[in-house]
Protein backbone atom coordinates (compact mmCIF):
# COMPACT_ATOMS: atom_id res chain seq x y z
CA MET A 1 70.30 73.96 74.02
CA THR A 2 69.88 72.95 70.20
CA GLU A 3 66.49 71.39 71.20
CA ASN A 4 65.14 74.96 71.36
CA VAL A 5 66.11 76.11 68.10
CA PRO A 6 62.99 74.92 66.28
CA MET A 7 60.85 76.30 68.98
CA PHE A 8 62.59 79.50 68.50
CA LYS A 9 62.16 79.21 64.64
CA ALA A 10 58.42 78.52 64.96
CA SER A 11 57.80 81.44 67.24
CA GLN A 12 59.87 83.83 65.10
CA VAL A 13 57.47 82.70 62.07
CA ALA A 14 54.31 83.49 64.41
CA ALA A 15 55.67 86.69 65.53
CA ALA A 16 56.51 87.79 61.92
CA LEU A 17 52.96 86.87 60.68
CA GLY A 18 51.42 88.71 63.55
CA LEU A 19 53.54 91.72 62.88
CA GLU A 20 52.24 91.56 59.30
CA ILE A 21 48.68 91.42 60.26
CA ASN A 22 48.93 93.94 62.87
CA SER A 23 50.99 96.75 61.04
CA GLY A 24 50.70 95.96 57.30
CA LEU A 25 54.39 95.74 57.12
CA LYS A 26 55.89 93.05 54.94
CA PHE A 27 58.99 90.90 55.53
CA GLY A 28 61.31 90.48 52.56
CA GLY A 29 62.75 87.16 51.32
CA GLY A 30 59.61 85.40 50.70
CA SER A 31 55.91 84.88 52.18
CA VAL A 32 55.71 84.60 55.80
CA MET A 33 52.10 83.03 55.43
CA ASN A 34 53.33 80.50 53.07
CA LEU A 35 56.08 79.44 55.35
CA ALA A 36 53.63 79.03 58.25
CA LYS A 37 51.32 77.12 55.68
CA LYS A 38 54.10 74.86 54.69
CA TYR A 39 54.97 73.90 58.43
CA CYS A 40 51.42 73.41 59.86
CA GLY A 41 49.68 72.35 56.45
CA SER A 42 46.96 74.76 56.78
CA PRO A 43 44.35 75.20 53.79
CA LYS A 44 43.60 78.76 54.78
CA ARG A 45 44.19 81.55 52.42
CA THR A 46 44.06 84.39 54.62
CA LYS A 47 47.04 85.73 56.99
CA ARG A 48 44.73 85.51 60.12
CA GLY A 49 43.43 82.11 59.38
CA VAL A 50 46.92 80.68 58.79
CA LEU A 51 47.94 82.12 62.01
CA VAL A 52 45.14 80.71 63.88
CA ASP A 53 45.95 77.23 62.48
CA TYR A 54 49.62 77.77 62.88
CA VAL A 55 49.51 78.51 66.66
CA ALA A 56 47.20 75.58 67.12
CA TRP A 57 49.93 73.31 65.51
CA ILE A 58 52.58 74.90 67.63
CA LYS A 59 50.45 74.18 70.67
CA GLU A 60 50.30 70.46 69.65
CA GLN A 61 54.01 70.44 69.20
CA VAL A 62 55.13 72.39 72.27
CA PRO A 63 52.39 71.70 75.18
CA GLY A 64 52.25 74.85 77.48
CA TYR A 65 53.10 77.34 74.33
CA GLU A 66 51.41 80.62 74.79
CA PRO A 67 51.51 83.29 71.91
CA THR A 68 52.66 86.66 72.68
CA PRO A 69 50.02 89.47 72.93
CA SER A 70 51.01 90.62 69.45
CA VAL A 71 50.29 87.37 68.10
CA THR A 72 47.23 86.90 70.09
CA LYS A 73 45.94 90.37 68.81
CA ALA A 74 46.64 89.27 65.41
CA MET A 75 44.59 86.31 65.72
CA GLY A 76 41.61 88.44 66.63
CA LYS A 77 41.32 87.52 70.34
């Protein structure tokens, strides 16, 4: 069961960043974009760019991962 915790945390960050992009709302407690950049090593400076890199990174870590419709919309696809 604990092997799913990192995947859950990764998908939470993707969902939060997608929500910020789609709605303009901000999460308290720090920058979600900077957290995603830290995890995936993205050099991008926009939320959408970081999200695209972050989802690609998750897919490398977890084959078969598919982003939610909200995250896909935020990526502009």
